[in-house]
């Protein structure tokens, strides 16, 4: 019988974990948290663009930057194009 109770406890635990994964709570996915995550993402993108521009200024080709960053050449060209517009 104890094995049956252990199995039942495990199923309840798995069920609870699945429920938490499928149904996020406001604490884990609320608007305030999402705003902070998006703000952090914006800061990361700004740093990425500065780094790509710095690499190009240092003499790296767009193809090399794309390979090193894992971004497409079009993404690198777009970043560098936005940088040129800002100047």
C-alpha atoms as a PDB file:
ATOM      1  CA  UNK A   1       0.000   0.000   0.000  1.00  0.00           C
ATOM      2  CA  UNK A   2       2.813   2.461   0.740  1.00  0.00           C
ATOM      3  CA  UNK A   3       3.985   2.159  -2.876  1.00  0.00           C
ATOM      4  CA  UNK A   4       0.525   3.172  -4.014  1.00  0.00           C
ATOM      5  CA  UNK A   5       0.601   6.253  -1.753  1.00  0.00           C
ATOM      6  CA  UNK A   6       4.040   7.204  -3.079  1.00  0.00           C
ATOM      7  CA  UNK A   7       2.798   6.868  -6.668  1.00  0.00           C
ATOM      8  CA  UNK A   8      -0.218   9.003  -5.872  1.00  0.00           C
ATOM      9  CA  UNK A   9       1.979  11.666  -4.233  1.00  0.00           C
ATOM     10  CA  UNK A  10       4.238  11.695  -7.280  1.00  0.00           C
ATOM     11  CA  UNK A  11       1.255  12.096  -9.627  1.00  0.00           C
ATOM     12  CA  UNK A  12      -0.085  14.983  -7.544  1.00  0.00           C
ATOM     13  CA  UNK A  13       3.357  16.603  -7.650  1.00  0.00           C
ATOM     14  CA  UNK A  14       3.628  16.213 -11.423  1.00  0.00           C
ATOM     15  CA  UNK A  15       0.085  17.451 -11.899  1.00  0.00           C
ATOM     16  CA  UNK A  16       0.797  20.534  -9.798  1.00  0.00           C
ATOM     17  CA  UNK A  17       3.998  21.254 -11.764  1.00  0.00           C
ATOM     18  CA  UNK A  18       2.170  20.918 -15.091  1.00  0.00           C
ATOM     19  CA  UNK A  19      -0.599  23.208 -13.869  1.00  0.00           C
ATOM     20  CA  UNK A  20       1.928  25.838 -12.797  1.00  0.00           C
ATOM     21  CA  UNK A  21       3.649  25.617 -16.174  1.00  0.00           C
ATOM     22  CA  UNK A  22       0.458  25.877 -18.226  1.00  0.00           C
ATOM     23  CA  UNK A  23      -1.255  28.487 -16.067  1.00  0.00           C
ATOM     24  CA  UNK A  24       1.225  31.186 -15.087  1.00  0.00           C
ATOM     25  CA  UNK A  25       0.360  33.181 -12.024  1.00  0.00           C
ATOM     26  CA  UNK A  26       0.435  36.988 -11.915  1.00  0.00           C
ATOM     27  CA  UNK A  27       3.563  36.794  -9.760  1.00  0.00           C
ATOM     28  CA  UNK A  28       5.474  34.927 -12.466  1.00  0.00           C
ATOM     29  CA  UNK A  29       4.002  36.612 -15.549  1.00  0.00           C
ATOM     30  CA  UNK A  30       2.249  39.759 -14.342  1.00  0.00           C
ATOM     31  CA  UNK A  31       2.318  43.106 -16.151  1.00  0.00           C
ATOM     32  CA  UNK A  32       4.976  44.631 -13.883  1.00  0.00           C
ATOM     33  CA  UNK A  33       7.334  41.705 -14.429  1.00  0.00           C
ATOM     34  CA  UNK A  34       6.745  41.783 -18.180  1.00  0.00           C
ATOM     35  CA  UNK A  35       7.465  45.525 -18.270  1.00  0.00           C
ATOM     36  CA  UNK A  36      10.765  44.969 -16.468  1.00  0.00           C
ATOM     37  CA  UNK A  37      11.709  42.089 -18.768  1.00  0.00           C
ATOM     38  CA  UNK A  38      10.915  44.178 -21.852  1.00  0.00           C
ATOM     39  CA  UNK A  39      12.892  47.133 -20.492  1.00  0.00           C
ATOM     40  CA  UNK A  40      15.878  44.830 -19.919  1.00  0.00           C
ATOM     41  CA  UNK A  41      15.469  43.480 -23.457  1.00  0.00           C
ATOM     42  CA  UNK A  42      15.544  47.047 -24.808  1.00  0.00           C
ATOM     43  CA  UNK A  43      18.766  47.764 -22.918  1.00  0.00           C
ATOM     44  CA  UNK A  44      20.284  44.559 -24.275  1.00  0.00           C
ATOM     45  CA  UNK A  45      19.364  45.522 -27.837  1.00  0.00           C
ATOM     46  CA  UNK A  46      20.950  48.947 -27.446  1.00  0.00           C
ATOM     47  CA  UNK A  47      24.158  47.330 -26.195  1.00  0.00           C
ATOM     48  CA  UNK A  48      24.064  44.843 -29.087  1.00  0.00           C
ATOM     49  CA  UNK A  49      23.748  47.633 -31.632  1.00  0.00           C
ATOM     50  CA  UNK A  50      26.637  49.556 -30.086  1.00  0.00           C
ATOM     51  CA  UNK A  51      28.823  46.449 -30.104  1.00  0.00           C
ATOM     52  CA  UNK A  52      28.043  45.690 -33.750  1.00  0.00           C
ATOM     53  CA  UNK A  53      28.873  49.282 -34.729  1.00  0.00           C
ATOM     54  CA  UNK A  54      32.096  49.102 -32.719  1.00  0.00           C
ATOM     55  CA  UNK A  55      33.077  45.841 -34.434  1.00  0.00           C
ATOM     56  CA  UNK A  56      32.458  47.375 -37.856  1.00  0.00           C
ATOM     57  CA  UNK A  57      34.543  50.423 -36.898  1.00  0.00           C
ATOM     58  CA  UNK A  58      37.328  48.082 -35.792  1.00  0.00           C
ATOM     59  CA  UNK A  59      37.451  46.640 -39.299  1.00  0.00           C
ATOM     60  CA  UNK A  60      35.349  43.485 -39.079  1.00  0.00           C
ATOM     61  CA  UNK A  61      33.202  42.745 -42.117  1.00  0.00           C
ATOM     62  CA  UNK A  62      29.446  42.448 -41.908  1.00  0.00           C
ATOM     63  CA  UNK A  63      29.759  38.745 -42.774  1.00  0.00           C
ATOM     64  CA  UNK A  64      32.272  38.154 -39.973  1.00  0.00           C
ATOM     65  CA  UNK A  65      30.130  40.039 -37.452  1.00  0.00           C
ATOM     66  CA  UNK A  66      27.115  37.980 -38.511  1.00  0.00           C
ATOM     67  CA  UNK A  67      29.010  34.717 -38.074  1.00  0.00           C
ATOM     68  CA  UNK A  68      30.424  35.717 -34.684  1.00  0.00           C
ATOM     69  CA  UNK A  69      27.096  36.930 -33.288  1.00  0.00           C
ATOM     70  CA  UNK A  70      24.878  34.281 -34.820  1.00  0.00           C
ATOM     71  CA  UNK A  71      22.695  36.943 -36.449  1.00  0.00           C
ATOM     72  CA  UNK A  72      21.876  37.037 -40.128  1.00  0.00           C
ATOM     73  CA  UNK A  73      23.764  39.387 -42.418  1.00  0.00           C
ATOM     74  CA  UNK A  74      20.520  41.253 -42.988  1.00  0.00           C
ATOM     75  CA  UNK A  75      20.172  41.839 -39.244  1.00  0.00           C
ATOM     76  CA  UNK A  76      23.728  43.192 -39.087  1.00  0.00           C
ATOM     77  CA  UNK A  77      23.112  45.394 -42.132  1.00  0.00           C
ATOM     78  CA  UNK A  78      19.920  46.664 -40.513  1.00  0.00           C
ATOM     79  CA  UNK A  79      21.713  47.480 -37.268  1.00  0.00           C
ATOM     80  CA  UNK A  80      24.487  49.280 -39.126  1.00  0.00           C
ATOM     81  CA  UNK A  81      21.934  51.093 -41.294  1.00  0.00           C
ATOM     82  CA  UNK A  82      20.110  52.381 -38.218  1.00  0.00           C
ATOM     83  CA  UNK A  83      23.440  53.497 -36.793  1.00  0.00           C
ATOM     84  CA  UNK A  84      24.197  55.491 -39.960  1.00  0.00           C
ATOM     85  CA  UNK A  85      20.796  57.201 -39.816  1.00  0.00           C
ATOM     86  CA  UNK A  86      21.464  58.361 -36.233  1.00  0.00           C
ATOM     87  CA  UNK A  87      24.754  60.072 -37.130  1.00  0.00           C
END
